[in-house]
Amino acid sequence: MPEPNGQNAAYFNAGALPKPDLAYVCWLDVMGASSVMERSLSMAANFVCKLHHAVLESPHEYVKLYPMVDGLYATCETQLSMKTFLTGAFTALAQIFVGEAAIHHRFIPKAAVAYGPVLHGERIPVSSSRILAAHEDYRKMLLFGMPMIQAHNGEQYAPPFGILIHESARAFAGPEEKPFSCVWWQWFDRDRDLAARLNKELKKYYEWCEKNPHAILYHPHRIREHKQLAAEYFVNLQPDIGEANS
């Protein structure tokens, strides 16, 4: 039924939207979640829920989280907040990985970070949408912006247990910040012992994957590629050039 002013109830006025915020956006997910869901609902739930456990337990006071089943978007205004959040999440996930004795119960996360203008759903005004304005909880789950796509698409190029920095975050930064100076940001600089154990266990994991590609629906070519990416990411466990003192 049309509104009193003649507009349809579903009418949305994009022209009334506020100016977007500049923010860092991260997409973090579980590798191969779709193939795991094809194999086992309980195993998929195990992997995905442990990912969200790690995220919720990581420092995120200044980070907004947007869960998306097998992964999530995280946004914040500063590099420090994003680095603190990712360090906490990946540290927890690494501890889960090395602490799991059953190799087939292990799972691997990876992420990508972009930077640019985003609009948080909570800022959608009544003048844009009467319906969304009336459903605050639903509205808060919405997020719009190019960095979302850049982070989501960039994640496929991140190494296992690694974080790719999209070119947008290597070219631009927030006020009084310098852009990231690396393609892969290492989250483990403060716990290199954990990183060394993780690297060792990743090698064992990929040796097992190479012996069971069909049973776990993991193409041999992808196994070799991811094994090589992990080896490069953790090589010598040296800090990235330009990031050692960040």
C-alpha atoms as a PDB file:
ATOM      1  CA  MET A   1       0.000   0.000   0.000  1.00  0.00           C
ATOM      2  CA  PRO A   2       1.362   3.463  -0.859  1.00  0.00           C
ATOM      3  CA  GLU A   3       2.496   5.802   1.911  1.00  0.00           C
ATOM      4  CA  PRO A   4       0.351   8.900   2.594  1.00  0.00           C
ATOM      5  CA  ASN A   5       2.749  10.938   0.488  1.00  0.00           C
ATOM      6  CA  GLY A   6       2.145   8.578  -2.424  1.00  0.00           C
ATOM      7  CA  GLN A   7       5.370   6.630  -2.052  1.00  0.00           C
ATOM      8  CA  ASN A   8       5.481   2.848  -1.830  1.00  0.00           C
ATOM      9  CA  ALA A   9       6.279   1.478   1.629  1.00  0.00           C
ATOM     10  CA  ALA A  10       9.410  -0.172   0.208  1.00  0.00           C
ATOM     11  CA  TYR A  11      10.710   3.121  -1.190  1.00  0.00           C
ATOM     12  CA  PHE A  12      14.374   3.817  -0.347  1.00  0.00           C
ATOM     13  CA  ASN A  13      15.924   7.273  -0.663  1.00  0.00           C
ATOM     14  CA  ALA A  14      19.676   6.818  -1.196  1.00  0.00           C
ATOM     15  CA  GLY A  15      20.048  10.573  -1.574  1.00  0.00           C
ATOM     16  CA  ALA A  16      19.289  11.035   2.120  1.00  0.00           C
ATOM     17  CA  LEU A  17      22.107   8.756   3.278  1.00  0.00           C
ATOM     18  CA  PRO A  18      24.823  10.388   5.405  1.00  0.00           C
ATOM     19  CA  LYS A  19      28.405  10.773   4.285  1.00  0.00           C
ATOM     20  CA  PRO A  20      30.265   7.419   4.608  1.00  0.00           C
ATOM     21  CA  ASP A  21      33.029   6.846   7.146  1.00  0.00           C
ATOM     22  CA  LEU A  22      36.621   6.053   6.196  1.00  0.00           C
ATOM     23  CA  ALA A  23      37.489   2.745   7.796  1.00  0.00           C
ATOM     24  CA  TYR A  24      39.619  -0.375   7.655  1.00  0.00           C
ATOM     25  CA  VAL A  25      37.573  -3.398   6.648  1.00  0.00           C
ATOM     26  CA  CYS A  26      38.660  -6.989   7.199  1.00  0.00           C
ATOM     27  CA  TRP A  27      37.104 -10.149   5.820  1.00  0.00           C
ATOM     28  CA  LEU A  28      38.048 -13.217   7.896  1.00  0.00           C
ATOM     29  CA  ASP A  29      36.813 -16.734   7.211  1.00  0.00           C
ATOM     30  CA  VAL A  30      37.474 -20.463   7.370  1.00  0.00           C
ATOM     31  CA  MET A  31      39.217 -21.941   4.340  1.00  0.00           C
ATOM     32  CA  GLY A  32      37.162 -24.502   2.446  1.00  0.00           C
ATOM     33  CA  ALA A  33      34.041 -23.995   4.527  1.00  0.00           C
ATOM     34  CA  SER A  34      31.733 -24.954   1.660  1.00  0.00           C
ATOM     35  CA  SER A  35      33.445 -28.320   1.099  1.00  0.00           C
ATOM     36  CA  VAL A  36      33.392 -28.989   4.845  1.00  0.00           C
ATOM     37  CA  MET A  37      29.650 -28.282   4.918  1.00  0.00           C
ATOM     38  CA  GLU A  38      29.192 -30.792   2.093  1.00  0.00           C
ATOM     39  CA  ARG A  39      31.018 -33.393   4.158  1.00  0.00           C
ATOM     40  CA  SER A  40      29.543 -32.867   7.619  1.00  0.00           C
ATOM     41  CA  LEU A  41      27.177 -30.406   9.289  1.00  0.00           C
ATOM     42  CA  SER A  42      28.658 -31.025  12.740  1.00  0.00           C
ATOM     43  CA  MET A  43      32.243 -30.557  11.532  1.00  0.00           C
ATOM     44  CA  ALA A  44      31.315 -27.361   9.710  1.00  0.00           C
ATOM     45  CA  ALA A  45      29.555 -26.047  12.808  1.00  0.00           C
ATOM     46  CA  ASN A  46      32.625 -26.959  14.879  1.00  0.00           C
ATOM     47  CA  PHE A  47      34.968 -24.992  12.615  1.00  0.00           C
ATOM     48  CA  VAL A  48      32.715 -21.983  12.111  1.00  0.00           C
ATOM     49  CA  CYS A  49      31.712 -21.613  15.753  1.00  0.00           C
ATOM     50  CA  LYS A  50      35.321 -21.882  16.938  1.00  0.00           C
ATOM     51  CA  LEU A  51      36.177 -19.099  14.503  1.00  0.00           C
ATOM     52  CA  HIS A  52      33.468 -16.901  16.008  1.00  0.00           C
ATOM     53  CA  HIS A  53      34.581 -17.860  19.534  1.00  0.00           C
ATOM     54  CA  ALA A  54      38.084 -16.615  18.764  1.00  0.00           C
ATOM     55  CA  VAL A  55      36.739 -13.403  17.253  1.00  0.00           C
ATOM     56  CA  LEU A  56      34.465 -12.623  20.198  1.00  0.00           C
ATOM     57  CA  GLU A  57      37.269 -13.284  22.687  1.00  0.00           C
ATOM     58  CA  SER A  58      39.745 -11.037  20.859  1.00  0.00           C
ATOM     59  CA  PRO A  59      40.068  -7.329  21.767  1.00  0.00           C
ATOM     60  CA  HIS A  60      37.425  -5.513  19.721  1.00  0.00           C
ATOM     61  CA  GLU A  61      36.319  -2.546  21.814  1.00  0.00           C
ATOM     62  CA  TYR A  62      36.762  -0.227  18.830  1.00  0.00           C
ATOM     63  CA  VAL A  63      35.868  -2.788  16.163  1.00  0.00           C
ATOM     64  CA  LYS A  64      32.421  -3.425  14.689  1.00  0.00           C
ATOM     65  CA  LEU A  65      31.702  -7.041  13.803  1.00  0.00           C
ATOM     66  CA  TYR A  66      29.378  -8.298  11.061  1.00  0.00           C
ATOM     67  CA  PRO A  67      29.109 -12.115  11.244  1.00  0.00           C
ATOM     68  CA  MET A  68      28.360 -13.885   7.942  1.00  0.00           C
ATOM     69  CA  VAL A  69      28.032 -17.617   8.840  1.00  0.00           C
ATOM     70  CA  ASP A  70      31.425 -19.017   7.757  1.00  0.00           C
ATOM     71  CA  GLY A  71      33.225 -15.718   8.273  1.00  0.00           C
ATOM     72  CA  LEU A  72      32.777 -12.098   9.227  1.00  0.00           C
ATOM     73  CA  TYR A  73      33.520  -8.506   8.375  1.00  0.00           C
ATOM     74  CA  ALA A  74      35.296  -6.376  10.965  1.00  0.00           C
ATOM     75  CA  THR A  75      35.599  -2.600  10.630  1.00  0.00           C
ATOM     76  CA  CYS A  76      37.405   0.077  12.620  1.00  0.00           C
ATOM     77  CA  GLU A  77      38.873   3.531  12.201  1.00  0.00           C
ATOM     78  CA  THR A  78      42.524   2.897  13.096  1.00  0.00           C
ATOM     79  CA  GLN A  79      45.273   0.494  12.112  1.00  0.00           C
ATOM     80  CA  LEU A  80      46.102  -0.132  15.750  1.00  0.00           C
ATOM     81  CA  SER A  81      42.580  -1.331  16.504  1.00  0.00           C
ATOM     82  CA  MET A  82      42.610  -3.621  13.456  1.00  0.00           C
ATOM     83  CA  LYS A  83      46.063  -5.025  14.250  1.00  0.00           C
ATOM     84  CA  THR A  84      45.144  -5.610  17.895  1.00  0.00           C
ATOM     85  CA  PHE A  85      41.939  -7.370  16.889  1.00  0.00           C
ATOM     86  CA  LEU A  86      43.592  -9.572  14.242  1.00  0.00           C
ATOM     87  CA  THR A  87      46.512 -10.458  16.507  1.00  0.00           C
ATOM     88  CA  GLY A  88      44.113 -11.618  19.201  1.00  0.00           C
ATOM     89  CA  ALA A  89      41.894 -13.578  16.817  1.00  0.00           C
ATOM     90  CA  PHE A  90      44.708 -15.308  14.939  1.00  0.00           C
ATOM     91  CA  THR A  91      46.611 -16.079  18.141  1.00  0.00           C
ATOM     92  CA  ALA A  92      43.542 -17.825  19.533  1.00  0.00           C
ATOM     93  CA  LEU A  93      42.955 -19.681  16.257  1.00  0.00           C
ATOM     94  CA  ALA A  94      46.604 -20.772  16.110  1.00  0.00           C
ATOM     95  CA  GLN A  95      46.366 -22.123  19.655  1.00  0.00           C
ATOM     96  CA  ILE A  96      43.260 -24.080  18.659  1.00  0.00           C
ATOM     97  CA  PHE A  97      45.081 -25.496  15.622  1.00  0.00           C
ATOM     98  CA  VAL A  98      48.255 -26.639  17.426  1.00  0.00           C
ATOM     99  CA  GLY A  99      46.254 -27.913  20.392  1.00  0.00           C
ATOM    100  CA  GLU A 100      44.020 -30.190  18.288  1.00  0.00           C
ATOM    101  CA  ALA A 101      45.440 -33.719  18.305  1.00  0.00           C
ATOM    102  CA  ALA A 102      43.102 -35.073  15.612  1.00  0.00           C
ATOM    103  CA  ILE A 103      44.460 -33.664  12.369  1.00  0.00           C
ATOM    104  CA  HIS A 104      41.130 -33.994  10.540  1.00  0.00           C
ATOM    105  CA  HIS A 105      39.549 -31.688  13.144  1.00  0.00           C
ATOM    106  CA  ARG A 106      41.931 -28.856  12.315  1.00  0.00           C
ATOM    107  CA  PHE A 107      40.811 -25.863  10.264  1.00  0.00           C
ATOM    108  CA  ILE A 108      42.584 -22.879   8.744  1.00  0.00           C
ATOM    109  CA  PRO A 109      41.538 -19.211   8.752  1.00  0.00           C
ATOM    110  CA  LYS A 110      42.812 -16.396   6.572  1.00  0.00           C
ATOM    111  CA  ALA A 111      41.912 -12.758   6.063  1.00  0.00           C
ATOM    112  CA  ALA A 112      42.331  -9.609   3.996  1.00  0.00           C
ATOM    113  CA  VAL A 113      42.212  -5.935   4.957  1.00  0.00           C
ATOM    114  CA  ALA A 114      41.118  -2.990   2.787  1.00  0.00           C
ATOM    115  CA  TYR A 115      40.605   0.726   3.455  1.00  0.00           C
ATOM    116  CA  GLY A 116      38.038   3.208   2.216  1.00  0.00           C
ATOM    117  CA  PRO A 117      34.522   4.659   2.613  1.00  0.00           C
ATOM    118  CA  VAL A 118      31.860   2.509   4.225  1.00  0.00           C
ATOM    119  CA  LEU A 119      28.363   3.096   5.506  1.00  0.00           C
ATOM    120  CA  HIS A 120      27.190   1.286   8.621  1.00  0.00           C
ATOM    121  CA  GLY A 121      23.555   0.276   8.567  1.00  0.00           C
ATOM    122  CA  GLU A 122      22.938   1.812  11.974  1.00  0.00           C
ATOM    123  CA  ARG A 123      23.385   5.236  10.334  1.00  0.00           C
ATOM    124  CA  ILE A 124      20.572   4.773   7.804  1.00  0.00           C
ATOM    125  CA  PRO A 125      18.088   7.581   8.652  1.00  0.00           C
ATOM    126  CA  VAL A 126      14.304   7.513   8.678  1.00  0.00           C
ATOM    127  CA  SER A 127      14.365   9.813   5.654  1.00  0.00           C
ATOM    128  CA  SER A 128      16.072   7.030   3.680  1.00  0.00           C
ATOM    129  CA  SER A 129      13.946   4.135   4.851  1.00  0.00           C
ATOM    130  CA  ARG A 130      10.993   4.103   7.213  1.00  0.00           C
ATOM    131  CA  ILE A 131      11.049   0.298   7.290  1.00  0.00           C
ATOM    132  CA  LEU A 132      14.739  -0.078   8.156  1.00  0.00           C
ATOM    133  CA  ALA A 133      14.545   2.739  10.673  1.00  0.00           C
ATOM    134  CA  ALA A 134      11.809   0.793  12.474  1.00  0.00           C
ATOM    135  CA  HIS A 135      13.960  -2.355  12.724  1.00  0.00           C
ATOM    136  CA  GLU A 136      17.096  -1.251  14.565  1.00  0.00           C
ATOM    137  CA  ASP A 137      18.563  -4.699  15.250  1.00  0.00           C
ATOM    138  CA  TYR A 138      18.238  -5.680  11.601  1.00  0.00           C
ATOM    139  CA  ARG A 139      19.579  -2.353  10.378  1.00  0.00           C
ATOM    140  CA  LYS A 140      22.707  -2.714  12.513  1.00  0.00           C
ATOM    141  CA  MET A 141      23.625  -5.897  10.642  1.00  0.00           C
ATOM    142  CA  LEU A 142      23.981  -4.034   7.323  1.00  0.00           C
ATOM    143  CA  LEU A 143      27.235  -2.702   5.894  1.00  0.00           C
ATOM    144  CA  PHE A 144      27.957  -1.085   2.516  1.00  0.00           C
ATOM    145  CA  GLY A 145      31.119  -0.041   0.720  1.00  0.00           C
ATOM    146  CA  MET A 146      33.811  -0.884  -1.795  1.00  0.00           C
ATOM    147  CA  PRO A 147      36.328  -2.016   0.883  1.00  0.00           C
ATOM    148  CA  MET A 148      33.998  -4.917   1.673  1.00  0.00           C
ATOM    149  CA  ILE A 149      34.413  -6.287  -1.841  1.00  0.00           C
ATOM    150  CA  GLN A 150      38.141  -5.541  -1.890  1.00  0.00           C
ATOM    151  CA  ALA A 151      38.682  -7.413   1.364  1.00  0.00           C
ATOM    152  CA  HIS A 152      36.409 -10.310   0.391  1.00  0.00           C
ATOM    153  CA  ASN A 153      38.047 -10.766  -3.019  1.00  0.00           C
ATOM    154  CA  GLY A 154      41.535 -10.252  -1.618  1.00  0.00           C
ATOM    155  CA  GLU A 155      41.153 -12.988   0.984  1.00  0.00           C
ATOM    156  CA  GLN A 156      41.543 -15.701  -1.672  1.00  0.00           C
ATOM    157  CA  TYR A 157      45.149 -14.546  -2.184  1.00  0.00           C
ATOM    158  CA  ALA A 158      46.049 -14.628   1.509  1.00  0.00           C
ATOM    159  CA  PRO A 159      48.241 -17.486   2.732  1.00  0.00           C
ATOM    160  CA  PRO A 160      46.885 -20.034   5.229  1.00  0.00           C
ATOM    161  CA  PHE A 161      46.779 -18.409   8.666  1.00  0.00           C
ATOM    162  CA  GLY A 162      47.809 -15.191   6.928  1.00  0.00           C
ATOM    163  CA  ILE A 163      46.487 -11.698   6.324  1.00  0.00           C
ATOM    164  CA  LEU A 164      46.615 -10.006   2.929  1.00  0.00           C
ATOM    165  CA  ILE A 165      46.689  -6.210   2.759  1.00  0.00           C
ATOM    166  CA  HIS A 166      44.735  -4.898  -0.215  1.00  0.00           C
ATOM    167  CA  GLU A 167      46.351  -2.115  -2.244  1.00  0.00           C
ATOM    168  CA  SER A 168      43.781   0.368  -0.884  1.00  0.00           C
ATOM    169  CA  ALA A 169      45.277  -0.054   2.611  1.00  0.00           C
ATOM    170  CA  ARG A 170      48.800   0.134   1.157  1.00  0.00           C
ATOM    171  CA  ALA A 171      48.018   3.416  -0.590  1.00  0.00           C
ATOM    172  CA  PHE A 172      45.827   5.202   1.977  1.00  0.00           C
ATOM    173  CA  ALA A 173      45.557   5.400   5.752  1.00  0.00           C
ATOM    174  CA  GLY A 174      43.687   7.146   8.504  1.00  0.00           C
ATOM    175  CA  PRO A 175      44.699  10.503  10.020  1.00  0.00           C
ATOM    176  CA  GLU A 176      48.239  10.514  11.469  1.00  0.00           C
ATOM    177  CA  GLU A 177      48.820   6.971  10.175  1.00  0.00           C
ATOM    178  CA  LYS A 178      51.044   5.568   7.474  1.00  0.00           C
ATOM    179  CA  PRO A 179      49.670   3.054   4.955  1.00  0.00           C
ATOM    180  CA  PHE A 180      50.613  -0.585   5.422  1.00  0.00           C
ATOM    181  CA  SER A 181      53.969  -1.267   3.769  1.00  0.00           C
ATOM    182  CA  CYS A 182      53.525  -4.980   3.102  1.00  0.00           C
ATOM    183  CA  VAL A 183      51.334  -7.280   1.021  1.00  0.00           C
ATOM    184  CA  TRP A 184      51.166  -9.849   3.837  1.00  0.00           C
ATOM    185  CA  TRP A 185      50.957  -8.558   7.390  1.00  0.00           C
ATOM    186  CA  GLN A 186      52.333 -10.918  10.042  1.00  0.00           C
ATOM    187  CA  TRP A 187      50.187 -11.054  13.160  1.00  0.00           C
ATOM    188  CA  PHE A 188      52.616 -13.176  15.211  1.00  0.00           C
ATOM    189  CA  ASP A 189      55.508 -10.767  15.818  1.00  0.00           C
ATOM    190  CA  ARG A 190      54.974 -10.857  19.599  1.00  0.00           C
ATOM    191  CA  ASP A 191      54.657 -14.643  19.865  1.00  0.00           C
ATOM    192  CA  ARG A 192      57.153 -16.182  17.501  1.00  0.00           C
ATOM    193  CA  ASP A 193      57.277 -19.398  19.519  1.00  0.00           C
ATOM    194  CA  LEU A 194      53.602 -19.983  18.773  1.00  0.00           C
ATOM    195  CA  ALA A 195      54.247 -19.120  15.114  1.00  0.00           C
ATOM    196  CA  ALA A 196      57.084 -21.655  14.957  1.00  0.00           C
ATOM    197  CA  ARG A 197      54.843 -24.385  16.416  1.00  0.00           C
ATOM    198  CA  LEU A 198      52.051 -23.414  14.037  1.00  0.00           C
ATOM    199  CA  ASN A 199      54.409 -23.555  11.057  1.00  0.00           C
ATOM    200  CA  LYS A 200      55.522 -27.048  12.081  1.00  0.00           C
ATOM    201  CA  GLU A 201      51.957 -28.280  12.482  1.00  0.00           C
ATOM    202  CA  LEU A 202      50.876 -26.707   9.181  1.00  0.00           C
ATOM    203  CA  LYS A 203      53.512 -28.766   7.387  1.00  0.00           C
ATOM    204  CA  LYS A 204      52.120 -31.919   8.995  1.00  0.00           C
ATOM    205  CA  TYR A 205      48.590 -30.854   8.086  1.00  0.00           C
ATOM    206  CA  TYR A 206      49.398 -30.365   4.413  1.00  0.00           C
ATOM    207  CA  GLU A 207      51.284 -33.661   4.257  1.00  0.00           C
ATOM    208  CA  TRP A 208      48.071 -35.287   5.502  1.00  0.00           C
ATOM    209  CA  CYS A 209      45.988 -33.325   2.960  1.00  0.00           C
ATOM    210  CA  GLU A 210      48.257 -34.520   0.135  1.00  0.00           C
ATOM    211  CA  LYS A 211      47.474 -38.115   1.130  1.00  0.00           C
ATOM    212  CA  ASN A 212      43.699 -37.558   1.403  1.00  0.00           C
ATOM    213  CA  PRO A 213      42.660 -35.000  -1.247  1.00  0.00           C
ATOM    214  CA  HIS A 214      39.555 -36.810  -2.496  1.00  0.00           C
ATOM    215  CA  ALA A 215      38.251 -37.749   0.942  1.00  0.00           C
ATOM    216  CA  ILE A 216      38.373 -34.133   2.104  1.00  0.00           C
ATOM    217  CA  LEU A 217      37.280 -32.588  -1.244  1.00  0.00           C
ATOM    218  CA  TYR A 218      40.520 -30.616  -1.518  1.00  0.00           C
ATOM    219  CA  HIS A 219      42.000 -30.409  -5.021  1.00  0.00           C
ATOM    220  CA  PRO A 220      45.684 -31.503  -5.109  1.00  0.00           C
ATOM    221  CA  HIS A 221      46.637 -28.369  -7.049  1.00  0.00           C
ATOM    222  CA  ARG A 222      45.137 -26.156  -4.345  1.00  0.00           C
ATOM    223  CA  ILE A 223      46.862 -28.168  -1.634  1.00  0.00           C
ATOM    224  CA  ARG A 224      50.256 -27.595  -3.262  1.00  0.00           C
ATOM    225  CA  GLU A 225      49.504 -23.907  -3.754  1.00  0.00           C
ATOM    226  CA  HIS A 226      48.407 -23.350  -0.160  1.00  0.00           C
ATOM    227  CA  LYS A 227      51.334 -25.351   1.175  1.00  0.00           C
ATOM    228  CA  GLN A 228      53.715 -23.090  -0.748  1.00  0.00           C
ATOM    229  CA  LEU A 229      51.941 -19.928   0.416  1.00  0.00           C
ATOM    230  CA  ALA A 230      52.192 -21.029   4.047  1.00  0.00           C
ATOM    231  CA  ALA A 231      55.888 -21.803   3.627  1.00  0.00           C
ATOM    232  CA  GLU A 232      56.498 -18.298   2.246  1.00  0.00           C
ATOM    233  CA  TYR A 233      54.423 -16.591   4.928  1.00  0.00           C
ATOM    234  CA  PHE A 234      56.270 -18.239   7.795  1.00  0.00           C
ATOM    235  CA  VAL A 235      59.724 -18.406   6.155  1.00  0.00           C
ATOM    236  CA  ASN A 236      62.410 -17.860   8.783  1.00  0.00           C
ATOM    237  CA  LEU A 237      59.715 -16.182  10.886  1.00  0.00           C
ATOM    238  CA  GLN A 238      61.203 -12.783  10.036  1.00  0.00           C
ATOM    239  CA  PRO A 239      59.147  -9.579  10.376  1.00  0.00           C
ATOM    240  CA  ASP A 240      57.955  -7.944   7.194  1.00  0.00           C
ATOM    241  CA  ILE A 241      60.123  -5.168   5.814  1.00  0.00           C
ATOM    242  CA  GLY A 242      58.823  -1.879   7.141  1.00  0.00           C
ATOM    243  CA  GLU A 243      56.575  -3.524   9.731  1.00  0.00           C
ATOM    244  CA  ALA A 244      59.094  -4.619  12.369  1.00  0.00           C
ATOM    245  CA  ASN A 245      58.731  -1.385  14.338  1.00  0.00           C
ATOM    246  CA  SER A 246      55.071  -0.660  13.642  1.00  0.00           C
END
